[in-house]
Amino acid sequence: MKKAGPARRKTTSPAYDVCIIGGAGHVGLPLGVSFALAGMRTVLFDINKKSLALINKGKFPFKEKGGDVALRRALKSKLLSTTATSAAVIAKSKVVVLIIGTPVDEFHNPQFGALDKIIEKYLPYFRDGQVLMLRSTVFPGTSERLQKFFTKHKLAVGVSFCPERIVEGKALEELAVMPQIISAFDKGTLAQMRELFSRVSKGGVVTATPLEAELSKLFSNAWRYIKFAVANQFYTMATSQGVDYARLYKTMTDRYDRNRDLPRPGFAAGPCLFKDTMQLSAYSQNQFFLGHAAMLVNEGLPQFVLEHIKHKLCSNNLHEMTIGILGMAFKAESDDKRDSLSYKLRKLAKLEAKEVYMHDYYIKDDSFTTLDALLRKSDIIIVAAPHARYADIPKEKLKGKIIVDMWNHVPHTKQAAEL
C-alpha cells in the first residue's frame, strides 16, 4: 500500500519563508539564525533531537563565535522554530534549503545515495512555486540532475545551488559580510536567491550558472588543500635533512610579499578539503594529478611525523616511550573532530609507542586525559591542533621532553629540545 502523504502540487500561502533540512548542523544553524534575524520566518528541520533540544534552550551544539547570543535573539523574535518530526513544514515553506552534500566512500568515489534518498523521501511535500536551494558541496551536475528530477515528476520547483564559503566557527560573522554565490536555472529562482541573501549579507551576491557555482566551491577547497600540501611537502623535505623549517619559513616570508600566501605546515583535514579534492578527481576521470599528490602528502603527514620521531628523535626506542597528543580537533580553536588527522596519528602511535595520551580543550572524550597528566606522563609531545592555550604551557613542564611542533606554536619548543 502506498504511503499516504499530503496532496502534492497544491499551492498554499506559506507559513515559513525558509525551511532548512539539516538545520541543526554547522552549516544550517548559523544560516537559519541569520535568516531569522533578517526578519524571515525560518524553521529548522533535523532528526538530531539532542541538538534541537540545545538549540531550543538558546545554545549552539557546537563552537560558534557569538552563536548563543544570536540564537537567543532569533528565538525571542519568534521567527525561528525547530522540529524533528514534522516533515509537513517542507510543504509550508517558500524556500527549502537542503544541507546534505556528496560524501566520498572508502575508495574516494562520490556517494549520491544520501541526497537522492532525502529528495525521494520528501518529494510528496514539495509544491509548485517552491525553491530547493542546495547549500553543501555537491558533485558537479547534481543541481541539474535534481532540476530534471522535479520536471520528471511534473513539479514546478526551481533548483538553486548557493555554496557556503564560511570558516567553521565564524559562520555568523562571515555570512554578514561575505559575497554569496547564487545560481539557478531560471530568472525567477535566481531573483528569489538574490533577494534572500541580500537580506543577510552586506557583501552582495555573485551570480553564476549552477555548474559554475558547483565547481567554484570544489576548486576553492582543492586550491586550499593543494596549498597546505605544498607547505607540508616543504616541511617533510626540510625536516628529513635536519633543517629547522620554522626558521626556514621565517626566512622565506619575512617582508617578502610573494611568499606571504604560503601556509604553515600542519594537519590539513576536516570534513571538506580532502573530500572535495577527491570529488574533483572523480569528476576528471582521475586525471587530477595535483589533487592526488596533495592527498598523498597531507594524509601521509601523520606517518611521517611518527617515522621521524622513531628513527631520528628517539633512536628507535619508541616502543619504550610514551606519546602525548595535544589537540584532537581537525583545526585550532574548534570542537569538530570530523576527519581529524589527530586520530590517524593516535592510531599509528598506538602501534609503536608504549602508551599514548590525548588532550583537547573543546572535545569531550572519556579516553582523553588532563593536560597536566599528559605533560607529566609523556616522553614525546606532539602539537597536533594548535589551540591558543597550548602556547601558554610553562617552560618547566616541557623540560626534558621531545617536542614535535609542526606549527611552531609552543613558544619553548627550541629550548625544550636543547635541554
Foldseek 3Di string as FASTA:
>chain_A
DDDDDDAAADDDAAPFAEEEEVLLDQPNVLLQLLLLVLPTQYEYEYQPVVSLVCLLVQHRPWAAVCRSVSSVVSVVSVSYYYDHPDLLNLLRYQEYEYADEWFADPVLETDDPVVVVVCVVSVSSDYANHEYEYADAYQQPPQVVVVVVCVVVVHNYWYKYKYDDDDRRHRLVCLAEAAIEIETDDPVNRVVVQVSSVSRYPNGYDYDYRNVNNVVQLVVLQVVLLLQLVQLVVVLVQVVVVHDVVVVLCVVPVVDVVCPPRDFHAQDWDDPNLSSLSSVCVVVVNPPVSSVSSCCRRLCSLVSVVVCCCVPPPPNPQQAFEEEEEDQPLEAPTQHNPGRCVVVSVVVSVVGHVYYAYDYPRYDDPRHDDPLVRLVRGQEYEYRYQYLCQLVPDLVSLANHQYHYSRCRNVCNVVNSVD
